Amino acid sequence: MQDYQPISSGEQRRSERPLTQSERIAYRNRMKKKKQNKRRMQIGGASVLLIVIIVAIILIVKGCSGATDALAGTWDLDSNTTYEFDGKGSGAMLLTLADYDFTYEIKDNQLYIDFVNESAHDATYEFSVKGDTLTLIGGEGTIGGTYELTKVHDKKADK
């Protein structure tokens, strides 16, 4: 009696005769296609992973940059002078007769204001915010002094 061994999955039963040239070519082509499909799957998986990572990084960066700083809003110094900060590095000093746009940067408790119009002097202030009061202590580019500004609440936002 001959021992019977079942064909395991993935294993093909080979016939006793050698393969013809066309069968060898067909077999090589099948193997080549299998390798190509495997490579495509690996590249596709890597591409999807890369896209997910890029989207995650973009969302993290956008989330961080979308935050507003402590100065965001409108601050009134007196009846003639108001400061507006967009919370993202741009603002304006609004005077009765003129407006002066500026960019600003906050580092620790230092406020650096760079006016677009050269007729207004760039300035550095030490600042603190407590509730609705912004305190500016004049530094470089100022005449010194301490200024207390009051937060202006938007009546539309309060409703």
C-alpha atoms as a PDB file:
ATOM      1  CA  MET A   1       0.000   0.000   0.000  1.00  0.00           C
ATOM      2  CA  GLN A   2       1.088   3.493  -0.754  1.00  0.00           C
ATOM      3  CA  ASP A   3       1.143   6.124   2.011  1.00  0.00           C
ATOM      4  CA  TYR A   4      -1.420   8.836   1.408  1.00  0.00           C
ATOM      5  CA  GLN A   5      -0.416  12.402   2.342  1.00  0.00           C
ATOM      6  CA  PRO A   6      -2.998  15.132   1.916  1.00  0.00           C
ATOM      7  CA  ILE A   7      -1.984  18.301   0.109  1.00  0.00           C
ATOM      8  CA  SER A   8      -1.535  21.119   2.628  1.00  0.00           C
ATOM      9  CA  SER A   9      -2.912  24.562   1.838  1.00  0.00           C
ATOM     10  CA  GLY A  10      -0.732  26.542  -0.511  1.00  0.00           C
ATOM     11  CA  GLU A  11       1.032  23.423  -1.712  1.00  0.00           C
ATOM     12  CA  GLN A  12       0.257  22.196  -5.179  1.00  0.00           C
ATOM     13  CA  ARG A  13       0.378  18.596  -6.208  1.00  0.00           C
ATOM     14  CA  ARG A  14       3.028  18.167  -8.800  1.00  0.00           C
ATOM     15  CA  SER A  15       2.564  15.777 -11.591  1.00  0.00           C
ATOM     16  CA  GLU A  16       5.230  13.270 -12.405  1.00  0.00           C
ATOM     17  CA  ARG A  17       6.073  14.880 -15.707  1.00  0.00           C
ATOM     18  CA  PRO A  18       8.312  17.955 -15.992  1.00  0.00           C
ATOM     19  CA  LEU A  19       6.701  21.304 -16.802  1.00  0.00           C
ATOM     20  CA  THR A  20       6.649  22.473 -20.373  1.00  0.00           C
ATOM     21  CA  GLN A  21       8.159  25.808 -21.279  1.00  0.00           C
ATOM     22  CA  SER A  22       4.749  27.494 -21.513  1.00  0.00           C
ATOM     23  CA  GLU A  23       3.808  26.094 -18.063  1.00  0.00           C
ATOM     24  CA  ARG A  24       7.098  27.395 -16.608  1.00  0.00           C
ATOM     25  CA  ILE A  25       6.438  30.830 -18.121  1.00  0.00           C
ATOM     26  CA  ALA A  26       2.871  30.819 -16.797  1.00  0.00           C
ATOM     27  CA  TYR A  27       4.162  29.776 -13.346  1.00  0.00           C
ATOM     28  CA  ARG A  28       6.818  32.544 -13.367  1.00  0.00           C
ATOM     29  CA  ASN A  29       4.199  35.085 -14.439  1.00  0.00           C
ATOM     30  CA  ARG A  30       1.886  33.997 -11.584  1.00  0.00           C
ATOM     31  CA  MET A  31       4.735  34.309  -9.075  1.00  0.00           C
ATOM     32  CA  LYS A  32       5.714  37.684 -10.527  1.00  0.00           C
ATOM     33  CA  LYS A  33       2.105  38.906 -10.214  1.00  0.00           C
ATOM     34  CA  LYS A  34       1.976  37.663  -6.607  1.00  0.00           C
ATOM     35  CA  LYS A  35       5.138  39.615  -5.760  1.00  0.00           C
ATOM     36  CA  GLN A  36       3.802  42.722  -7.505  1.00  0.00           C
ATOM     37  CA  ASN A  37       0.518  42.491  -5.606  1.00  0.00           C
ATOM     38  CA  LYS A  38       2.396  42.036  -2.336  1.00  0.00           C
ATOM     39  CA  ARG A  39       4.566  45.077  -3.123  1.00  0.00           C
ATOM     40  CA  ARG A  40       1.489  47.130  -4.046  1.00  0.00           C
ATOM     41  CA  MET A  41      -0.163  46.195  -0.760  1.00  0.00           C
ATOM     42  CA  GLN A  42       2.951  47.181   1.191  1.00  0.00           C
ATOM     43  CA  ILE A  43       3.306  50.474  -0.660  1.00  0.00           C
ATOM     44  CA  GLY A  44      -0.430  51.151  -0.330  1.00  0.00           C
ATOM     45  CA  GLY A  45      -0.335  50.439   3.404  1.00  0.00           C
ATOM     46  CA  ALA A  46       2.730  52.631   3.856  1.00  0.00           C
ATOM     47  CA  SER A  47       1.058  55.409   1.842  1.00  0.00           C
ATOM     48  CA  VAL A  48      -2.084  55.273   3.971  1.00  0.00           C
ATOM     49  CA  LEU A  49       0.010  55.327   7.148  1.00  0.00           C
ATOM     50  CA  LEU A  50       2.009  58.298   5.863  1.00  0.00           C
ATOM     51  CA  ILE A  51      -1.178  60.196   4.983  1.00  0.00           C
ATOM     52  CA  VAL A  52      -2.618  59.522   8.449  1.00  0.00           C
ATOM     53  CA  ILE A  53       0.588  60.781  10.090  1.00  0.00           C
ATOM     54  CA  ILE A  54       0.644  63.933   7.938  1.00  0.00           C
ATOM     55  CA  VAL A  55      -3.014  64.686   8.694  1.00  0.00           C
ATOM     56  CA  ALA A  56      -2.374  64.173  12.417  1.00  0.00           C
ATOM     57  CA  ILE A  57       0.602  66.556  12.330  1.00  0.00           C
ATOM     58  CA  ILE A  58      -1.416  69.168  10.432  1.00  0.00           C
ATOM     59  CA  LEU A  59      -4.267  68.932  12.940  1.00  0.00           C
ATOM     60  CA  ILE A  60      -1.884  69.213  15.883  1.00  0.00           C
ATOM     61  CA  VAL A  61      -0.104  72.227  14.395  1.00  0.00           C
ATOM     62  CA  LYS A  62      -3.374  73.866  13.404  1.00  0.00           C
ATOM     63  CA  GLY A  63      -4.770  73.253  16.882  1.00  0.00           C
ATOM     64  CA  CYS A  64      -1.747  74.868  18.460  1.00  0.00           C
ATOM     65  CA  SER A  65      -1.668  77.849  16.124  1.00  0.00           C
ATOM     66  CA  GLY A  66      -5.431  78.343  16.313  1.00  0.00           C
ATOM     67  CA  ALA A  67      -5.251  79.187  19.990  1.00  0.00           C
ATOM     68  CA  THR A  68      -5.639  82.815  20.965  1.00  0.00           C
ATOM     69  CA  ASP A  69      -3.405  84.500  23.487  1.00  0.00           C
ATOM     70  CA  ALA A  70      -4.283  86.311  26.710  1.00  0.00           C
ATOM     71  CA  LEU A  71      -4.463  89.668  24.924  1.00  0.00           C
ATOM     72  CA  ALA A  72      -7.131  88.658  22.401  1.00  0.00           C
ATOM     73  CA  GLY A  73      -9.853  91.258  22.283  1.00  0.00           C
ATOM     74  CA  THR A  74     -10.269  95.010  22.570  1.00  0.00           C
ATOM     75  CA  TRP A  75      -8.689  96.988  25.413  1.00  0.00           C
ATOM     76  CA  ASP A  76      -9.576 100.593  26.228  1.00  0.00           C
ATOM     77  CA  LEU A  77      -6.897 102.883  27.709  1.00  0.00           C
ATOM     78  CA  ASP A  78      -8.932 106.073  27.766  1.00  0.00           C
ATOM     79  CA  SER A  79     -11.614 107.733  25.686  1.00  0.00           C
ATOM     80  CA  ASN A  80      -9.025 108.419  22.942  1.00  0.00           C
ATOM     81  CA  THR A  81      -6.914 105.229  22.785  1.00  0.00           C
ATOM     82  CA  THR A  82      -7.971 101.626  22.244  1.00  0.00           C
ATOM     83  CA  TYR A  83      -5.871  98.562  21.441  1.00  0.00           C
ATOM     84  CA  GLU A  84      -7.215  95.594  19.476  1.00  0.00           C
ATOM     85  CA  PHE A  85      -5.420  92.234  19.545  1.00  0.00           C
ATOM     86  CA  ASP A  86      -6.615  89.391  17.295  1.00  0.00           C
ATOM     87  CA  GLY A  87      -5.011  86.763  19.522  1.00  0.00           C
ATOM     88  CA  LYS A  88      -2.788  85.542  16.691  1.00  0.00           C
ATOM     89  CA  GLY A  89      -0.108  88.223  16.377  1.00  0.00           C
ATOM     90  CA  SER A  90      -1.865  91.148  14.676  1.00  0.00           C
ATOM     91  CA  GLY A  91      -3.578  94.178  16.076  1.00  0.00           C
ATOM     92  CA  ALA A  92      -4.197  97.893  15.887  1.00  0.00           C
ATOM     93  CA  MET A  93      -3.913 100.968  18.071  1.00  0.00           C
ATOM     94  CA  LEU A  94      -7.051 103.013  17.492  1.00  0.00           C
ATOM     95  CA  LEU A  95      -6.749 106.721  18.214  1.00  0.00           C
ATOM     96  CA  THR A  96      -9.427 109.342  17.729  1.00  0.00           C
ATOM     97  CA  LEU A  97      -7.842 110.674  14.524  1.00  0.00           C
ATOM     98  CA  ALA A  98      -5.857 107.656  13.221  1.00  0.00           C
ATOM     99  CA  ASP A  99      -5.436 103.894  13.410  1.00  0.00           C
ATOM    100  CA  TYR A 100      -2.039 102.188  13.511  1.00  0.00           C
ATOM    101  CA  ASP A 101      -1.814  98.516  12.558  1.00  0.00           C
ATOM    102  CA  PHE A 102       0.852  96.391  14.170  1.00  0.00           C
ATOM    103  CA  THR A 103       2.109  92.891  14.656  1.00  0.00           C
ATOM    104  CA  TYR A 104       2.946  91.686  18.109  1.00  0.00           C
ATOM    105  CA  GLU A 105       4.729  88.867  19.823  1.00  0.00           C
ATOM    106  CA  ILE A 106       4.487  87.606  23.370  1.00  0.00           C
ATOM    107  CA  LYS A 107       7.445  85.999  25.125  1.00  0.00           C
ATOM    108  CA  ASP A 108       6.865  85.160  28.767  1.00  0.00           C
ATOM    109  CA  ASN A 109       5.438  88.400  30.184  1.00  0.00           C
ATOM    110  CA  GLN A 110       6.965  90.645  27.496  1.00  0.00           C
ATOM    111  CA  LEU A 111       4.855  92.196  24.740  1.00  0.00           C
ATOM    112  CA  TYR A 112       6.724  93.290  21.602  1.00  0.00           C
ATOM    113  CA  ILE A 113       4.749  95.613  19.296  1.00  0.00           C
ATOM    114  CA  ASP A 114       6.008  96.331  15.765  1.00  0.00           C
ATOM    115  CA  PHE A 115       3.968  99.066  14.078  1.00  0.00           C
ATOM    116  CA  VAL A 116       3.475  98.830  10.311  1.00  0.00           C
ATOM    117  CA  ASN A 117       3.525 102.622   9.952  1.00  0.00           C
ATOM    118  CA  GLU A 118       7.009 103.953  10.680  1.00  0.00           C
ATOM    119  CA  SER A 119       5.578 107.159  12.216  1.00  0.00           C
ATOM    120  CA  ALA A 120       4.526 105.072  15.244  1.00  0.00           C
ATOM    121  CA  HIS A 121       7.408 103.839  17.407  1.00  0.00           C
ATOM    122  CA  ASP A 122       7.818 100.120  18.035  1.00  0.00           C
ATOM    123  CA  ALA A 123       7.583  99.310  21.724  1.00  0.00           C
ATOM    124  CA  THR A 124       8.232  96.664  24.339  1.00  0.00           C
ATOM    125  CA  TYR A 125       6.071  96.312  27.427  1.00  0.00           C
ATOM    126  CA  GLU A 126       5.988  94.052  30.420  1.00  0.00           C
ATOM    127  CA  PHE A 127       2.361  93.014  30.781  1.00  0.00           C
ATOM    128  CA  SER A 128      -0.067  91.173  33.012  1.00  0.00           C
ATOM    129  CA  VAL A 129      -3.750  90.374  32.681  1.00  0.00           C
ATOM    130  CA  LYS A 130      -5.968  90.083  35.738  1.00  0.00           C
ATOM    131  CA  GLY A 131      -9.620  89.653  34.920  1.00  0.00           C
ATOM    132  CA  ASP A 132     -10.659  92.548  32.693  1.00  0.00           C
ATOM    133  CA  THR A 133      -7.549  94.626  33.386  1.00  0.00           C
ATOM    134  CA  LEU A 134      -4.444  94.653  31.193  1.00  0.00           C
ATOM    135  CA  THR A 135      -1.459  96.312  32.836  1.00  0.00           C
ATOM    136  CA  LEU A 136       1.362  97.507  30.580  1.00  0.00           C
ATOM    137  CA  ILE A 137       4.662  98.664  32.038  1.00  0.00           C
ATOM    138  CA  GLY A 138       6.601 100.718  29.493  1.00  0.00           C
ATOM    139  CA  GLY A 139       9.968  99.404  28.376  1.00  0.00           C
ATOM    140  CA  GLU A 140      12.124  99.906  25.297  1.00  0.00           C
ATOM    141  CA  GLY A 141      10.632 102.337  22.768  1.00  0.00           C
ATOM    142  CA  THR A 142       8.214 103.871  25.292  1.00  0.00           C
ATOM    143  CA  ILE A 143       8.307 106.859  27.603  1.00  0.00           C
ATOM    144  CA  GLY A 144       7.996 104.467  30.530  1.00  0.00           C
ATOM    145  CA  GLY A 145       5.094 104.531  32.900  1.00  0.00           C
ATOM    146  CA  THR A 146       2.390 102.043  33.782  1.00  0.00           C
ATOM    147  CA  TYR A 147      -0.859 101.833  31.847  1.00  0.00           C
ATOM    148  CA  GLU A 148      -4.059 100.072  32.851  1.00  0.00           C
ATOM    149  CA  LEU A 149      -6.420  99.098  30.045  1.00  0.00           C
ATOM    150  CA  THR A 150      -9.930  97.738  30.493  1.00  0.00           C
ATOM    151  CA  LYS A 151     -11.319  94.897  28.395  1.00  0.00           C
ATOM    152  CA  VAL A 152     -14.181  95.959  26.120  1.00  0.00           C
ATOM    153  CA  HIS A 153     -16.837  93.256  25.884  1.00  0.00           C
ATOM    154  CA  ASP A 154     -18.642  92.884  22.572  1.00  0.00           C
ATOM    155  CA  LYS A 155     -22.327  93.545  23.188  1.00  0.00           C
ATOM    156  CA  LYS A 156     -23.257  91.037  20.425  1.00  0.00           C
ATOM    157  CA  ALA A 157     -21.215  88.293  22.114  1.00  0.00           C
ATOM    158  CA  ASP A 158     -22.797  89.049  25.507  1.00  0.00           C
ATOM    159  CA  LYS A 159     -26.364  88.499  24.229  1.00  0.00           C
END
